[in-house]
């Protein structure tokens, strides 16, 4: 998405000047990015997430209405400072790598969104979708094992005498040198 969105953003809000004027340009670009791109991306994410959770259109719209304000605030906390750096310090050729690196953290935040929500079980009951119950766990029946009772690891195989240095991959052992 960065490959498409950033060139559009650069044409719409070019960076100008230096000092305070440059700071205003960067802040404007970040604001446009947050107002235009973030709701679209988060809406798409929440739509797909709720579709795959429940496959019910009512669930999708309810999830978006419920989680969008929280995620937009988290988005602003994470991405506004990141994009201030992106548009002011990070060189053009490193921007996609920089954004991709921060996206790993953002993916963890998005993955944990909605966890522990009181609404999720209710929505699952309304849709009729539920997972099978988890089988009861059996306690371990063996008496306490001591470390000396555990099986020893298998012995390592004897070294190959092929004349091939050990640092080469095993697939190269049969190679005619």
Protein backbone atom coordinates (compact mmCIF):
# COMPACT_ATOMS: atom_id res chain seq x y z
CA UNK A 1 0.00 0.00 0.00
CA UNK A 2 2.92 2.35 0.72
CA UNK A 3 4.09 2.06 -2.89
CA UNK A 4 0.76 3.47 -4.09
CA UNK A 5 -0.20 5.84 -1.27
CA UNK A 6 3.09 7.67 -0.70
CA UNK A 7 3.47 8.99 -4.27
CA UNK A 8 -0.14 10.24 -4.18
CA UNK A 9 0.52 11.89 -0.81
CA UNK A 10 3.76 13.47 -2.08
CA UNK A 11 1.94 15.01 -5.06
CA UNK A 12 -0.95 16.22 -2.91
CA UNK A 13 1.19 17.67 -0.11
CA UNK A 14 4.71 18.48 -1.33
CA UNK A 15 7.36 19.24 1.30
CA UNK A 16 8.51 22.84 1.04
CA UNK A 17 11.11 25.09 2.54
CA UNK A 18 13.23 24.52 5.60
CA UNK A 19 12.83 25.00 9.31
CA UNK A 20 9.34 25.99 10.42
CA UNK A 21 7.91 25.88 6.89
CA UNK A 22 9.25 22.34 6.45
CA UNK A 23 7.75 21.36 9.83
CA UNK A 24 4.35 22.69 8.75
CA UNK A 25 4.57 20.73 5.48
CA UNK A 26 5.46 17.53 7.35
CA UNK A 27 2.64 18.06 9.88
CA UNK A 28 0.17 18.68 7.04
CA UNK A 29 1.28 15.54 5.25
CA UNK A 30 0.95 13.48 8.44
CA UNK A 31 -2.51 14.95 9.09
CA UNK A 32 -3.68 14.13 5.55
CA UNK A 33 -2.28 10.62 5.89
CA UNK A 34 -4.09 10.09 9.20
CA UNK A 35 -7.41 11.54 8.01
CA UNK A 36 -7.53 9.84 4.58
CA UNK A 37 -5.54 6.62 4.74
CA UNK A 38 -6.06 5.43 8.31
CA UNK A 39 -9.87 5.08 8.32
CA UNK A 40 -9.78 3.26 4.97
CA UNK A 41 -7.06 0.82 6.08
CA UNK A 42 -8.55 0.20 9.52
CA UNK A 43 -12.05 -0.24 8.08
CA UNK A 44 -10.73 -2.80 5.61
CA UNK A 45 -8.83 -4.60 8.37
CA UNK A 46 -11.81 -4.70 10.73
CA UNK A 47 -14.14 -5.78 7.93
CA UNK A 48 -11.93 -8.71 6.92
CA UNK A 49 -11.23 -9.65 10.52
CA UNK A 50 -14.88 -9.77 11.51
CA UNK A 51 -15.85 -11.51 8.25
CA UNK A 52 -13.42 -14.34 8.93
CA UNK A 53 -14.42 -14.51 12.59
CA UNK A 54 -18.13 -14.73 12.00
CA UNK A 55 -19.06 -14.37 8.28
CA UNK A 56 -22.08 -12.27 9.21
CA UNK A 57 -22.63 -8.78 7.72
CA UNK A 58 -24.32 -7.52 10.89
CA UNK A 59 -21.26 -8.58 12.84
CA UNK A 60 -18.99 -6.73 10.40
CA UNK A 61 -20.79 -3.39 10.72
CA UNK A 62 -21.13 -3.75 14.49
CA UNK A 63 -17.43 -4.59 14.87
CA UNK A 64 -16.38 -1.60 12.77
CA UNK A 65 -18.62 0.76 14.76
CA UNK A 66 -17.40 -0.69 18.05
CA UNK A 67 -13.65 -0.98 17.44
CA UNK A 68 -12.91 1.84 14.98
CA UNK A 69 -12.68 4.69 17.55
CA UNK A 70 -10.29 2.73 19.76
CA UNK A 71 -8.10 1.65 16.84
CA UNK A 72 -8.05 5.16 15.36
CA UNK A 73 -6.71 6.53 18.64
CA UNK A 74 -4.08 3.76 18.82
CA UNK A 75 -3.28 4.43 15.16
CA UNK A 76 -2.69 8.10 15.91
CA UNK A 77 -0.43 7.27 18.86
CA UNK A 78 1.73 4.90 16.78
CA UNK A 79 1.69 6.26 13.24
CA UNK A 80 1.73 10.05 13.75
CA UNK A 81 5.23 10.06 15.33
CA UNK A 82 6.41 7.38 12.90
CA UNK A 83 5.30 9.45 9.91
CA UNK A 84 6.78 12.62 11.38
CA UNK A 85 10.12 10.78 11.19
CA UNK A 86 9.24 9.20 7.84
CA UNK A 87 8.56 12.48 6.08
CA UNK A 88 11.28 14.53 7.76
CA UNK A 89 14.32 12.31 8.42
CA UNK A 90 14.01 8.94 6.64
CA UNK A 91 15.40 9.06 3.06
CA UNK A 92 12.98 8.12 0.26
CA UNK A 93 14.73 4.85 -0.58
CA UNK A 94 14.40 3.61 3.05
CA UNK A 95 10.81 4.65 3.73
CA UNK A 96 9.09 1.42 2.72
CA UNK A 97 11.56 -0.63 4.81
CA UNK A 98 11.04 1.73 7.78
CA UNK A 99 7.25 1.51 7.48
CA UNK A 100 7.42 -2.27 7.08
CA UNK A 101 9.48 -2.57 10.26
CA UNK A 102 7.01 -0.50 12.28
CA UNK A 103 4.15 -2.46 10.68
CA UNK A 104 5.31 -5.56 12.55
CA UNK A 105 4.59 -3.79 15.84
CA UNK A 106 1.35 -2.39 14.45
CA UNK A 107 0.28 -5.87 13.34
CA UNK A 108 0.70 -7.10 16.92
CA UNK A 109 -1.45 -4.22 18.16
CA UNK A 110 -4.15 -4.95 15.56
CA UNK A 111 -4.06 -8.67 16.29
CA UNK A 112 -4.75 -8.03 19.94
CA UNK A 113 -7.61 -5.62 19.21
CA UNK A 114 -10.99 -6.81 20.38
CA UNK A 115 -9.53 -9.43 22.73
CA UNK A 116 -11.50 -9.72 25.93
CA UNK A 117 -14.44 -7.83 24.47
CA UNK A 118 -17.74 -8.61 26.17
CA UNK A 119 -19.50 -8.21 22.83
CA UNK A 120 -17.69 -11.05 21.05
CA UNK A 121 -19.39 -14.01 22.87
CA UNK A 122 -22.80 -12.36 22.43
CA UNK A 123 -22.22 -11.90 18.69
CA UNK A 124 -21.09 -15.52 18.35
CA UNK A 125 -24.24 -16.71 20.13
CA UNK A 126 -26.45 -14.59 17.85
CA UNK A 127 -24.82 -15.97 14.73
CA UNK A 128 -24.98 -19.59 15.87
CA UNK A 129 -21.23 -19.97 15.32
CA UNK A 130 -19.30 -21.67 18.10
CA UNK A 131 -16.22 -23.77 18.50
CA UNK A 132 -16.46 -27.32 19.88
CA UNK A 133 -15.81 -27.54 23.63
CA UNK A 134 -12.26 -28.25 24.68
CA UNK A 135 -11.80 -31.81 26.04
CA UNK A 136 -10.93 -32.08 29.75
CA UNK A 137 -7.25 -32.34 30.49
CA UNK A 138 -5.91 -35.39 32.29
CA UNK A 139 -3.30 -34.96 34.99
CA UNK A 140 0.08 -36.53 34.38
CA UNK A 141 -0.09 -40.09 35.75
CA UNK A 142 3.62 -40.82 35.97
CA UNK A 143 5.35 -40.42 39.33
CA UNK A 144 7.94 -37.68 39.56
CA UNK A 145 10.77 -38.47 37.17
CA UNK A 146 14.29 -37.63 38.08
CA UNK A 147 16.72 -36.33 35.51
CA UNK A 148 18.82 -39.51 35.76
CA UNK A 149 15.74 -41.57 34.81
CA UNK A 150 15.23 -39.73 31.53
CA UNK A 151 16.58 -41.30 28.35
CA UNK A 152 19.98 -40.06 27.30
CA UNK A 153 20.15 -38.24 23.97
CA UNK A 154 21.13 -40.43 21.03
CA UNK A 155 24.84 -40.49 20.21
CA UNK A 156 25.97 -38.27 17.37
CA UNK A 157 26.83 -40.04 14.10
CA UNK A 158 30.48 -40.65 13.32
CA UNK A 159 32.10 -37.93 11.21
CA UNK A 160 32.14 -38.47 7.46
CA UNK A 161 35.59 -38.92 6.04
CA UNK A 162 34.90 -37.47 2.61
CA UNK A 163 37.48 -34.73 2.54
CA UNK A 164 34.71 -32.11 2.40
CA UNK A 165 35.12 -29.31 4.93
CA UNK A 166 32.54 -29.46 7.75
CA UNK A 167 31.19 -25.97 7.09
CA UNK A 168 29.74 -26.99 3.70
CA UNK A 169 26.09 -28.13 3.52
CA UNK A 170 25.41 -31.87 3.78
CA UNK A 171 24.00 -31.89 0.22
CA UNK A 172 27.48 -31.08 -1.12
CA UNK A 173 29.09 -34.17 0.45
CA UNK A 174 28.62 -36.34 -2.67
CA UNK A 175 30.01 -33.62 -5.00
CA UNK A 176 33.03 -34.65 -7.07
CA UNK A 177 35.79 -32.27 -6.05
